[in-house]
Every structure is written in structure tokens, then in C-alpha cells.
PDB file of N, CA and C in Angstrom:
ATOM      1  N   UNK A   1      28.505-116.559  56.146  1.00  0.00           N
ATOM      2  CA  UNK A   1      28.492-117.139  54.818  1.00  0.00           C
ATOM      3  C   UNK A   1      29.004-116.111  53.820  1.00  0.00           C
ATOM      4  N   UNK A   2      29.871-116.532  52.926  1.00  0.00           N
ATOM      5  CA  UNK A   2      30.438-115.647  51.918  1.00  0.00           C
ATOM      6  C   UNK A   2      29.411-115.347  50.840  1.00  0.00           C
ATOM      7  N   UNK A   3      29.561-114.184  50.238  1.00  0.00           N
ATOM      8  CA  UNK A   3      28.672-113.809  49.135  1.00  0.00           C
ATOM      9  C   UNK A   3      28.933-114.713  47.939  1.00  0.00           C
ATOM     10  N   UNK A   4      27.902-114.955  47.168  1.00  0.00           N
ATOM     11  CA  UNK A   4      28.024-115.773  45.971  1.00  0.00           C
ATOM     12  C   UNK A   4      28.148-114.871  44.746  1.00  0.00           C
ATOM     13  N   UNK A   5      28.880-115.343  43.766  1.00  0.00           N
ATOM     14  CA  UNK A   5      29.076-114.614  42.519  1.00  0.00           C
ATOM     15  C   UNK A   5      27.892-114.903  41.598  1.00  0.00           C
ATOM     16  N   UNK A   6      27.285-113.845  41.053  1.00  0.00           N
ATOM     17  CA  UNK A   6      26.124-113.976  40.172  1.00  0.00           C
ATOM     18  C   UNK A   6      26.436-113.659  38.714  1.00  0.00           C
ATOM     19  N   UNK A   7      27.589-113.020  38.459  1.00  0.00           N
ATOM     20  CA  UNK A   7      27.969-112.647  37.104  1.00  0.00           C
ATOM     21  C   UNK A   7      29.410-113.054  36.839  1.00  0.00           C
ATOM     22  N   UNK A   8      29.691-113.506  35.620  1.00  0.00           N
ATOM     23  CA  UNK A   8      31.071-113.756  35.190  1.00  0.00           C
ATOM     24  C   UNK A   8      31.302-113.017  33.883  1.00  0.00           C
ATOM     25  N   UNK A   9      32.546-112.666  33.647  1.00  0.00           N
ATOM     26  CA  UNK A   9      32.909-111.961  32.423  1.00  0.00           C
ATOM     27  C   UNK A   9      33.180-112.983  31.322  1.00  0.00           C
ATOM     28  N   UNK A  10      32.386-112.922  30.263  1.00  0.00           N
ATOM     29  CA  UNK A  10      32.556-113.837  29.133  1.00  0.00           C
ATOM     30  C   UNK A  10      33.608-113.327  28.153  1.00  0.00           C
ATOM     31  N   UNK A  11      34.014-112.068  28.269  1.00  0.00           N
ATOM     32  CA  UNK A  11      35.007-111.497  27.359  1.00  0.00           C
ATOM     33  C   UNK A  11      36.432-111.863  27.764  1.00  0.00           C
ATOM     34  N   UNK A  12      36.658-112.091  29.035  1.00  0.00           N
ATOM     35  CA  UNK A  12      37.997-112.403  29.549  1.00  0.00           C
ATOM     36  C   UNK A  12      37.914-113.758  30.247  1.00  0.00           C
ATOM     37  N   UNK A  13      38.502-114.776  29.672  1.00  0.00           N
ATOM     38  CA  UNK A  13      38.323-116.125  30.210  1.00  0.00           C
ATOM     39  C   UNK A  13      39.579-116.725  30.831  1.00  0.00           C
ATOM     40  N   UNK A  14      40.726-116.097  30.657  1.00  0.00           N
ATOM     41  CA  UNK A  14      41.972-116.626  31.221  1.00  0.00           C
ATOM     42  C   UNK A  14      42.471-115.700  32.329  1.00  0.00           C
ATOM     43  N   UNK A  15      43.124-116.275  33.335  1.00  0.00           N
ATOM     44  CA  UNK A  15      43.674-115.469  34.427  1.00  0.00           C
ATOM     45  C   UNK A  15      44.788-114.603  33.867  1.00  0.00           C
ATOM     46  N   UNK A  16      44.710-113.320  34.136  1.00  0.00           N
ATOM     47  CA  UNK A  16      45.700-112.374  33.648  1.00  0.00           C
ATOM     48  C   UNK A  16      46.564-111.840  34.771  1.00  0.00           C
ATOM     49  N   UNK A  17      47.551-111.022  34.421  1.00  0.00           N
ATOM     50  CA  UNK A  17      48.477-110.483  35.413  1.00  0.00           C
ATOM     51  C   UNK A  17      47.810-109.576  36.445  1.00  0.00           C
ATOM     52  N   UNK A  18      46.679-108.995  36.096  1.00  0.00           N
ATOM     53  CA  UNK A  18      45.978-108.108  37.012  1.00  0.00           C
ATOM     54  C   UNK A  18      44.826-108.802  37.731  1.00  0.00           C
ATOM     55  N   UNK A  19      44.566-110.040  37.406  1.00  0.00           N
ATOM     56  CA  UNK A  19      43.359-110.695  37.911  1.00  0.00           C
ATOM     57  C   UNK A  19      43.636-111.713  38.983  1.00  0.00           C
ATOM     58  N   UNK A  20      42.606-112.327  39.444  1.00  0.00           N
ATOM     59  CA  UNK A  20      41.220-112.094  39.077  1.00  0.00           C
ATOM     60  C   UNK A  20      40.648-110.859  39.759  1.00  0.00           C
ATOM     61  N   UNK A  21      39.509-110.431  39.254  1.00  0.00           N
ATOM     62  CA  UNK A  21      38.824-109.254  39.775  1.00  0.00           C
ATOM     63  C   UNK A  21      37.461-109.677  40.314  1.00  0.00           C
ATOM     64  N   UNK A  22      37.153-109.244  41.516  1.00  0.00           N
ATOM     65  CA  UNK A  22      35.816-109.409  42.078  1.00  0.00           C
ATOM     66  C   UNK A  22      35.306-107.998  42.340  1.00  0.00           C
ATOM     67  N   UNK A  23      34.143-107.695  41.808  1.00  0.00           N
ATOM     68  CA  UNK A  23      33.580-106.349  41.920  1.00  0.00           C
ATOM     69  C   UNK A  23      32.064-106.447  41.985  1.00  0.00           C
ATOM     70  N   UNK A  24      31.410-105.330  42.093  1.00  0.00           N
ATOM     71  CA  UNK A  24      29.952-105.335  42.016  1.00  0.00           C
ATOM     72  C   UNK A  24      29.522-104.649  40.730  1.00  0.00           C
ATOM     73  N   UNK A  25      28.481-105.185  40.132  1.00  0.00           N
ATOM     74  CA  UNK A  25      27.878-104.619  38.937  1.00  0.00           C
ATOM     75  C   UNK A  25      26.396-104.482  39.241  1.00  0.00           C
ATOM     76  N   UNK A  26      25.932-103.272  39.314  1.00  0.00           N
ATOM     77  CA  UNK A  26      24.526-103.004  39.654  1.00  0.00           C
ATOM     78  C   UNK A  26      24.105-103.730  40.932  1.00  0.00           C
ATOM     79  N   UNK A  27      24.983-103.742  41.931  1.00  0.00           N
ATOM     80  CA  UNK A  27      24.670-104.331  43.226  1.00  0.00           C
ATOM     81  C   UNK A  27      24.814-105.842  43.295  1.00  0.00           C
ATOM     82  N   UNK A  28      25.354-106.461  42.241  1.00  0.00           N
ATOM     83  CA  UNK A  28      25.521-107.913  42.179  1.00  0.00           C
ATOM     84  C   UNK A  28      27.000-108.248  42.106  1.00  0.00           C
ATOM     85  N   UNK A  29      27.441-109.287  42.812  1.00  0.00           N
ATOM     86  CA  UNK A  29      28.845-109.688  42.783  1.00  0.00           C
ATOM     87  C   UNK A  29      29.198-110.258  41.418  1.00  0.00           C
ATOM     88  N   UNK A  30      30.352-109.814  40.888  1.00  0.00           N
ATOM     89  CA  UNK A  30      30.804-110.219  39.563  1.00  0.00           C
ATOM     90  C   UNK A  30      32.273-110.640  39.619  1.00  0.00           C
ATOM     91  N   UNK A  31      32.655-111.585  38.737  1.00  0.00           N
ATOM     92  CA  UNK A  31      34.010-112.151  38.717  1.00  0.00           C
ATOM     93  C   UNK A  31      34.571-112.098  37.303  1.00  0.00           C
ATOM     94  N   UNK A  32      35.785-111.578  37.176  1.00  0.00           N
ATOM     95  CA  UNK A  32      36.510-111.575  35.907  1.00  0.00           C
ATOM     96  C   UNK A  32      37.883-112.183  36.148  1.00  0.00           C
ATOM     97  N   UNK A  33      38.204-113.312  35.507  1.00  0.00           N
ATOM     98  CA  UNK A  33      39.499-113.949  35.746  1.00  0.00           C
ATOM     99  C   UNK A  33      40.685-113.093  35.320  1.00  0.00           C
ATOM    100  N   UNK A  34      40.523-112.276  34.274  1.00  0.00           N
ATOM    101  CA  UNK A  34      41.634-111.471  33.774  1.00  0.00           C
ATOM    102  C   UNK A  34      41.895-110.263  34.654  1.00  0.00           C
ATOM    103  N   UNK A  35      40.851-109.652  35.156  1.00  0.00           N
ATOM    104  CA  UNK A  35      41.007-108.503  36.039  1.00  0.00           C
ATOM    105  C   UNK A  35      41.140-107.177  35.334  1.00  0.00           C
ATOM    106  N   UNK A  36      40.914-107.146  34.033  1.00  0.00           N
ATOM    107  CA  UNK A  36      40.991-105.881  33.301  1.00  0.00           C
ATOM    108  C   UNK A  36      39.935-104.905  33.782  1.00  0.00           C
ATOM    109  N   UNK A  37      40.168-103.631  33.502  1.00  0.00           N
ATOM    110  CA  UNK A  37      39.232-102.610  33.962  1.00  0.00           C
ATOM    111  C   UNK A  37      38.154-102.284  32.949  1.00  0.00           C
ATOM    112  N   UNK A  38      38.290-102.764  31.712  1.00  0.00           N
ATOM    113  CA  UNK A  38      37.271-102.454  30.717  1.00  0.00           C
ATOM    114  C   UNK A  38      37.090-103.623  29.757  1.00  0.00           C
ATOM    115  N   UNK A  39      36.056-103.522  28.928  1.00  0.00           N
ATOM    116  CA  UNK A  39      35.804-104.551  27.930  1.00  0.00           C
ATOM    117  C   UNK A  39      35.092-105.782  28.460  1.00  0.00           C
ATOM    118  N   UNK A  40      34.432-105.668  29.605  1.00  0.00           N
ATOM    119  CA  UNK A  40      33.752-106.818  30.199  1.00  0.00           C
ATOM    120  C   UNK A  40      32.448-107.134  29.466  1.00  0.00           C
ATOM    121  N   UNK A  41      32.084-108.395  29.482  1.00  0.00           N
ATOM    122  CA  UNK A  41      30.793-108.866  28.978  1.00  0.00           C
ATOM    123  C   UNK A  41      30.194-109.701  30.101  1.00  0.00           C
ATOM    124  N   UNK A  42      29.480-109.044  31.009  1.00  0.00           N
ATOM    125  CA  UNK A  42      28.955-109.711  32.203  1.00  0.00           C
ATOM    126  C   UNK A  42      27.778-110.602  31.830  1.00  0.00           C
ATOM    127  N   UNK A  43      27.874-111.872  32.229  1.00  0.00           N
ATOM    128  CA  UNK A  43      26.831-112.860  31.973  1.00  0.00           C
ATOM    129  C   UNK A  43      26.339-113.422  33.300  1.00  0.00           C
ATOM    130  N   UNK A  44      25.028-113.542  33.436  1.00  0.00           N
ATOM    131  CA  UNK A  44      24.434-114.087  34.661  1.00  0.00           C
ATOM    132  C   UNK A  44      24.707-115.587  34.729  1.00  0.00           C
ATOM    133  N   UNK A  45      25.068-116.063  35.928  1.00  0.00           N
ATOM    134  CA  UNK A  45      25.278-117.488  36.175  1.00  0.00           C
ATOM    135  C   UNK A  45      24.474-117.884  37.408  1.00  0.00           C
ATOM    136  N   UNK A  46      24.380-119.172  37.619  1.00  0.00           N
ATOM    137  CA  UNK A  46      23.809-119.658  38.871  1.00  0.00           C
ATOM    138  C   UNK A  46      24.732-119.193  39.983  1.00  0.00           C
ATOM    139  N   UNK A  47      24.223-118.635  41.071  1.00  0.00           N
ATOM    140  CA  UNK A  47      25.102-118.154  42.143  1.00  0.00           C
ATOM    141  C   UNK A  47      26.118-119.224  42.554  1.00  0.00           C
ATOM    142  N   UNK A  48      27.395-118.833  42.534  1.00  0.00           N
ATOM    143  CA  UNK A  48      28.505-119.767  42.718  1.00  0.00           C
ATOM    144  C   UNK A  48      29.526-119.185  43.683  1.00  0.00           C
ATOM    145  N   UNK A  49      30.097-120.019  44.534  1.00  0.00           N
ATOM    146  CA  UNK A  49      31.127-119.574  45.473  1.00  0.00           C
ATOM    147  C   UNK A  49      32.389-119.143  44.714  1.00  0.00           C
ATOM    148  N   UNK A  50      33.017-118.088  45.186  1.00  0.00           N
ATOM    149  CA  UNK A  50      34.238-117.578  44.577  1.00  0.00           C
ATOM    150  C   UNK A  50      35.308-118.659  44.492  1.00  0.00           C
ATOM    151  N   UNK A  51      35.422-119.475  45.524  1.00  0.00           N
ATOM    152  CA  UNK A  51      36.450-120.513  45.544  1.00  0.00           C
ATOM    153  C   UNK A  51      36.289-121.488  44.376  1.00  0.00           C
ATOM    154  N   UNK A  52      35.061-121.770  43.991  1.00  0.00           N
ATOM    155  CA  UNK A  52      34.807-122.674  42.867  1.00  0.00           C
ATOM    156  C   UNK A  52      35.294-122.026  41.570  1.00  0.00           C
ATOM    157  N   UNK A  53      35.000-120.750  41.389  1.00  0.00           N
ATOM    158  CA  UNK A  53      35.446-120.064  40.178  1.00  0.00           C
ATOM    159  C   UNK A  53      36.962-119.956  40.124  1.00  0.00           C
ATOM    160  N   UNK A  54      37.574-119.618  41.227  1.00  0.00           N
ATOM    161  CA  UNK A  54      39.038-119.482  41.268  1.00  0.00           C
ATOM    162  C   UNK A  54      39.742-120.810  41.039  1.00  0.00           C
ATOM    163  N   UNK A  55      39.149-121.897  41.491  1.00  0.00           N
ATOM    164  CA  UNK A  55      39.765-123.216  41.340  1.00  0.00           C
ATOM    165  C   UNK A  55      39.680-123.715  39.904  1.00  0.00           C
ATOM    166  N   UNK A  56      38.904-123.022  39.079  1.00  0.00           N
ATOM    167  CA  UNK A  56      38.803-123.431  37.693  1.00  0.00           C
ATOM    168  C   UNK A  56      37.950-124.665  37.493  1.00  0.00           C
ATOM    169  N   UNK A  57      37.151-124.968  38.507  1.00  0.00           N
ATOM    170  CA  UNK A  57      36.252-126.094  38.355  1.00  0.00           C
ATOM    171  C   UNK A  57      35.235-125.738  37.290  1.00  0.00           C
ATOM    172  N   UNK A  58      34.432-126.681  36.922  1.00  0.00           N
ATOM    173  CA  UNK A  58      33.466-126.438  35.867  1.00  0.00           C
ATOM    174  C   UNK A  58      32.627-125.212  36.223  1.00  0.00           C
ATOM    175  N   UNK A  59      32.809-124.180  35.452  1.00  0.00           N
ATOM    176  CA  UNK A  59      32.078-122.941  35.700  1.00  0.00           C
ATOM    177  C   UNK A  59      30.633-123.097  35.271  1.00  0.00           C
ATOM    178  N   UNK A  60      29.741-122.464  35.991  1.00  0.00           N
ATOM    179  CA  UNK A  60      28.336-122.522  35.604  1.00  0.00           C
ATOM    180  C   UNK A  60      28.140-121.872  34.231  1.00  0.00           C
ATOM    181  N   UNK A  61      27.225-122.376  33.464  1.00  0.00           N
ATOM    182  CA  UNK A  61      26.943-121.789  32.179  1.00  0.00           C
ATOM    183  C   UNK A  61      26.035-120.583  32.352  1.00  0.00           C
ATOM    184  N   UNK A  62      26.220-119.560  31.512  1.00  0.00           N
ATOM    185  CA  UNK A  62      25.350-118.388  31.624  1.00  0.00           C
ATOM    186  C   UNK A  62      23.894-118.781  31.463  1.00  0.00           C
ATOM    187  N   UNK A  63      23.038-118.069  32.197  1.00  0.00           N
ATOM    188  CA  UNK A  63      21.608-118.321  32.127  1.00  0.00           C
ATOM    189  C   UNK A  63      21.009-117.420  31.051  1.00  0.00           C
ATOM    190  N   UNK A  64      19.972-117.878  30.378  1.00  0.00           N
ATOM    191  CA  UNK A  64      19.336-117.033  29.369  1.00  0.00           C
ATOM    192  C   UNK A  64      18.754-115.780  30.005  1.00  0.00           C
ATOM    193  N   UNK A  65      18.807-114.688  29.264  1.00  0.00           N
ATOM    194  CA  UNK A  65      18.242-113.425  29.756  1.00  0.00           C
ATOM    195  C   UNK A  65      16.739-113.578  29.944  1.00  0.00           C
ATOM    196  N   UNK A  66      16.237-112.915  30.973  1.00  0.00           N
ATOM    197  CA  UNK A  66      14.806-113.006  31.260  1.00  0.00           C
ATOM    198  C   UNK A  66      14.095-111.745  30.907  1.00  0.00           C
TER     199      UNK A  66
END
């Protein structure tokens, strides 16, 4: 089973020339469509398959901070 993405970048919302980027942030899988190396605003989402995020389907909404 593939790992699920738990964070998305709210600062970069469009696919860029360097993206998308999949990385880890504090041990959690994170996705940024633009792929930039800085300026991220990581927001927690419901764990989602990478394929769903890449397909541009309805992205999960960020969850409130706990």
C-alpha cells in the first residue's frame, strides 16, 4: 500500500515547472503542486492518496489545528 499524503502546501496551489514535490515534513508525507524549495505553508489534510492530489480531484480541505 502506498503512503498517504497528510500535508499540502497552501502557499503554492498551481503546478509549476519544478513540481509537483513530494517530501517529508517532520516525518509526515507532504505534497506541493508547484515544487518550490521554499515559502511553503503546510496544512494538515485528511490522509489522501498521491494519485488523487495529482489528478486535481477535489482536494481535501485543511483540518483545524488541534
